[in-house]
Amino acid sequence: MTRDEKRLITLAEASKTVTVWDVETGTALFTLAHDDDPLEAAFSPDESRVLTDAGSVTYVWSMRTGELLAKLDHSGIFSGDWSPSGRYILTYQENSNQAFLWDSSNVQDHSHTEAFQ
């Protein structure tokens, strides 16, 4: 849920979707389709974007339009999260102890800033 409690995210593994809701009206604002079962979702610190994790991909979505901004894919992504400022996205692999740091202002080029092991 956003800090102002106006938007809420729900995940539906069966339909491989994430829905963003308007809390006051109960209206679905966006339904975000995934290639695999969505497991986690997190609003960016400024609440303009949302990350969702499904399979080995972390998705970045616009909360203004519902548009898919980027798919961050490296084999075996387990989870993704925002840095406190929202400048970076951290994705990591549970089994390999590998993490990638992505510059969130330039995720469209699909290149990570740093890899950590």
C-alpha atoms as a PDB file:
ATOM      1  CA  MET A   1       0.000   0.000   0.000  1.00  0.00           C
ATOM      2  CA  THR A   2       1.200   3.527  -0.702  1.00  0.00           C
ATOM      3  CA  ARG A   3       2.070   5.802   2.220  1.00  0.00           C
ATOM      4  CA  ASP A   4      -0.996   7.949   1.558  1.00  0.00           C
ATOM      5  CA  GLU A   5      -3.089   4.748   1.595  1.00  0.00           C
ATOM      6  CA  LYS A   6      -4.637   5.543  -1.815  1.00  0.00           C
ATOM      7  CA  ARG A   7      -3.255   2.595  -3.803  1.00  0.00           C
ATOM      8  CA  LEU A   8      -2.996  -1.076  -2.981  1.00  0.00           C
ATOM      9  CA  ILE A   9      -1.297  -3.950  -4.828  1.00  0.00           C
ATOM     10  CA  THR A  10      -2.606  -7.510  -4.950  1.00  0.00           C
ATOM     11  CA  LEU A  11      -0.930 -10.529  -6.546  1.00  0.00           C
ATOM     12  CA  ALA A  12      -2.754 -13.368  -8.291  1.00  0.00           C
ATOM     13  CA  GLU A  13      -0.497 -16.320  -8.990  1.00  0.00           C
ATOM     14  CA  ALA A  14      -3.204 -18.289 -10.826  1.00  0.00           C
ATOM     15  CA  SER A  15      -3.672 -15.576 -13.478  1.00  0.00           C
ATOM     16  CA  LYS A  16      -0.029 -14.381 -13.347  1.00  0.00           C
ATOM     17  CA  THR A  17      -1.160 -10.815 -12.715  1.00  0.00           C
ATOM     18  CA  VAL A  18      -0.650  -7.980 -10.274  1.00  0.00           C
ATOM     19  CA  THR A  19      -3.482  -5.496  -9.810  1.00  0.00           C
ATOM     20  CA  VAL A  20      -3.128  -1.911  -8.577  1.00  0.00           C
ATOM     21  CA  TRP A  21      -6.286  -0.698  -6.839  1.00  0.00           C
ATOM     22  CA  ASP A  22      -7.722   2.678  -5.892  1.00  0.00           C
ATOM     23  CA  VAL A  23      -8.497   2.117  -2.195  1.00  0.00           C
ATOM     24  CA  GLU A  24     -11.222   4.776  -1.937  1.00  0.00           C
ATOM     25  CA  THR A  25     -13.286   3.588  -4.923  1.00  0.00           C
ATOM     26  CA  GLY A  26     -12.314  -0.102  -5.004  1.00  0.00           C
ATOM     27  CA  THR A  27     -11.535   0.313  -8.703  1.00  0.00           C
ATOM     28  CA  ALA A  28      -8.751  -1.623 -10.406  1.00  0.00           C
ATOM     29  CA  LEU A  29      -6.414   0.985 -11.929  1.00  0.00           C
ATOM     30  CA  PHE A  30      -4.024  -1.392 -13.704  1.00  0.00           C
ATOM     31  CA  THR A  31      -3.673  -5.111 -14.183  1.00  0.00           C
ATOM     32  CA  LEU A  32      -0.044  -5.993 -14.845  1.00  0.00           C
ATOM     33  CA  ALA A  33       0.546  -9.237 -16.767  1.00  0.00           C
ATOM     34  CA  HIS A  34       3.577 -11.436 -16.033  1.00  0.00           C
ATOM     35  CA  ASP A  35       5.222 -14.400 -17.744  1.00  0.00           C
ATOM     36  CA  ASP A  36       5.366 -16.366 -14.474  1.00  0.00           C
ATOM     37  CA  ASP A  37       3.690 -16.338 -11.055  1.00  0.00           C
ATOM     38  CA  PRO A  38       4.229 -12.953  -9.359  1.00  0.00           C
ATOM     39  CA  LEU A  39       5.648 -13.408  -5.870  1.00  0.00           C
ATOM     40  CA  GLU A  40       6.453  -9.912  -4.572  1.00  0.00           C
ATOM     41  CA  ALA A  41       5.708  -6.262  -5.288  1.00  0.00           C
ATOM     42  CA  ALA A  42       7.121  -2.993  -3.934  1.00  0.00           C
ATOM     43  CA  PHE A  43       6.364   0.656  -4.632  1.00  0.00           C
ATOM     44  CA  SER A  44       9.356   2.908  -5.312  1.00  0.00           C
ATOM     45  CA  PRO A  45      10.071   5.411  -2.505  1.00  0.00           C
ATOM     46  CA  ASP A  46       8.381   8.197  -4.512  1.00  0.00           C
ATOM     47  CA  GLU A  47       5.551   5.781  -5.434  1.00  0.00           C
ATOM     48  CA  SER A  48       5.835   6.571  -9.153  1.00  0.00           C
ATOM     49  CA  ARG A  49       6.892   3.020 -10.058  1.00  0.00           C
ATOM     50  CA  VAL A  50       6.455  -0.490  -8.768  1.00  0.00           C
ATOM     51  CA  LEU A  51       8.714  -3.544  -8.895  1.00  0.00           C
ATOM     52  CA  THR A  52       7.247  -6.991  -9.236  1.00  0.00           C
ATOM     53  CA  ASP A  53       9.140 -10.278  -9.075  1.00  0.00           C
ATOM     54  CA  ALA A  54       8.023 -13.281 -11.111  1.00  0.00           C
ATOM     55  CA  GLY A  55      10.174 -16.258 -11.994  1.00  0.00           C
ATOM     56  CA  SER A  56      13.666 -15.058 -12.863  1.00  0.00           C
ATOM     57  CA  VAL A  57      12.522 -11.554 -13.838  1.00  0.00           C
ATOM     58  CA  THR A  58      12.021  -8.324 -11.923  1.00  0.00           C
ATOM     59  CA  TYR A  59       9.590  -6.020 -13.713  1.00  0.00           C
ATOM     60  CA  VAL A  60       9.520  -2.219 -13.403  1.00  0.00           C
ATOM     61  CA  TRP A  61       6.136  -0.560 -14.030  1.00  0.00           C
ATOM     62  CA  SER A  62       4.922   3.049 -14.251  1.00  0.00           C
ATOM     63  CA  MET A  63       2.251   3.860 -11.686  1.00  0.00           C
ATOM     64  CA  ARG A  64       1.116   6.800 -13.819  1.00  0.00           C
ATOM     65  CA  THR A  65       0.285   4.726 -16.917  1.00  0.00           C
ATOM     66  CA  GLY A  66       0.602   1.045 -15.936  1.00  0.00           C
ATOM     67  CA  GLU A  67       3.208   0.718 -18.687  1.00  0.00           C
ATOM     68  CA  LEU A  68       6.000  -1.854 -18.400  1.00  0.00           C
ATOM     69  CA  LEU A  69       9.214   0.186 -18.214  1.00  0.00           C
ATOM     70  CA  ALA A  70      11.744  -2.653 -18.022  1.00  0.00           C
ATOM     71  CA  LYS A  71      12.280  -6.356 -17.443  1.00  0.00           C
ATOM     72  CA  LEU A  72      15.430  -7.002 -15.407  1.00  0.00           C
ATOM     73  CA  ASP A  73      16.415 -10.546 -16.193  1.00  0.00           C
ATOM     74  CA  HIS A  74      19.420 -12.463 -15.004  1.00  0.00           C
ATOM     75  CA  SER A  75      19.197 -16.152 -14.482  1.00  0.00           C
ATOM     76  CA  GLY A  76      17.652 -17.066 -11.177  1.00  0.00           C
ATOM     77  CA  ILE A  77      16.495 -13.701  -9.812  1.00  0.00           C
ATOM     78  CA  PHE A  78      14.955 -14.440  -6.462  1.00  0.00           C
ATOM     79  CA  SER A  79      13.897 -10.957  -5.442  1.00  0.00           C
ATOM     80  CA  GLY A  80      14.257  -7.256  -6.155  1.00  0.00           C
ATOM     81  CA  ASP A  81      13.950  -4.130  -4.048  1.00  0.00           C
ATOM     82  CA  TRP A  82      14.439  -0.360  -4.191  1.00  0.00           C
ATOM     83  CA  SER A  83      17.242   1.562  -2.512  1.00  0.00           C
ATOM     84  CA  PRO A  84      15.940   4.079   0.074  1.00  0.00           C
ATOM     85  CA  SER A  85      16.333   6.958  -2.407  1.00  0.00           C
ATOM     86  CA  GLY A  86      14.840   5.004  -5.325  1.00  0.00           C
ATOM     87  CA  ARG A  87      17.973   5.580  -7.393  1.00  0.00           C
ATOM     88  CA  TYR A  88      18.929   1.909  -7.475  1.00  0.00           C
ATOM     89  CA  ILE A  89      17.204  -1.432  -7.802  1.00  0.00           C
ATOM     90  CA  LEU A  90      18.872  -4.419  -6.173  1.00  0.00           C
ATOM     91  CA  THR A  91      18.149  -7.889  -7.535  1.00  0.00           C
ATOM     92  CA  TYR A  92      19.656 -11.007  -6.063  1.00  0.00           C
ATOM     93  CA  GLN A  93      19.884 -14.737  -6.547  1.00  0.00           C
ATOM     94  CA  GLU A  94      19.326 -16.854  -3.485  1.00  0.00           C
ATOM     95  CA  ASN A  95      21.235 -19.971  -4.528  1.00  0.00           C
ATOM     96  CA  SER A  96      24.302 -18.322  -6.060  1.00  0.00           C
ATOM     97  CA  ASN A  97      24.713 -15.494  -3.530  1.00  0.00           C
ATOM     98  CA  GLN A  98      24.925 -13.091  -6.467  1.00  0.00           C
ATOM     99  CA  ALA A  99      23.360  -9.617  -6.507  1.00  0.00           C
ATOM    100  CA  PHE A 100      23.057  -6.945  -9.172  1.00  0.00           C
ATOM    101  CA  LEU A 101      22.666  -3.210  -8.693  1.00  0.00           C
ATOM    102  CA  TRP A 102      20.730  -1.385 -11.444  1.00  0.00           C
ATOM    103  CA  ASP A 103      20.510   2.373 -12.000  1.00  0.00           C
ATOM    104  CA  SER A 104      16.729   2.898 -11.937  1.00  0.00           C
ATOM    105  CA  SER A 105      16.938   5.996 -14.143  1.00  0.00           C
ATOM    106  CA  ASN A 106      18.400   3.886 -16.960  1.00  0.00           C
ATOM    107  CA  VAL A 107      16.893   0.391 -16.636  1.00  0.00           C
ATOM    108  CA  GLN A 108      15.711   0.377 -20.242  1.00  0.00           C
ATOM    109  CA  ASP A 109      19.209  -0.525 -21.447  1.00  0.00           C
ATOM    110  CA  HIS A 110      19.064  -3.724 -19.317  1.00  0.00           C
ATOM    111  CA  SER A 111      22.609  -3.301 -18.025  1.00  0.00           C
ATOM    112  CA  HIS A 112      23.441  -3.462 -14.355  1.00  0.00           C
ATOM    113  CA  THR A 113      25.758  -1.052 -12.597  1.00  0.00           C
ATOM    114  CA  GLU A 114      27.545  -3.558 -10.358  1.00  0.00           C
ATOM    115  CA  ALA A 115      27.589  -7.279  -9.701  1.00  0.00           C
ATOM    116  CA  PHE A 116      28.367  -8.562  -6.224  1.00  0.00           C
ATOM    117  CA  GLN A 117      29.300 -12.068  -5.102  1.00  0.00           C
END
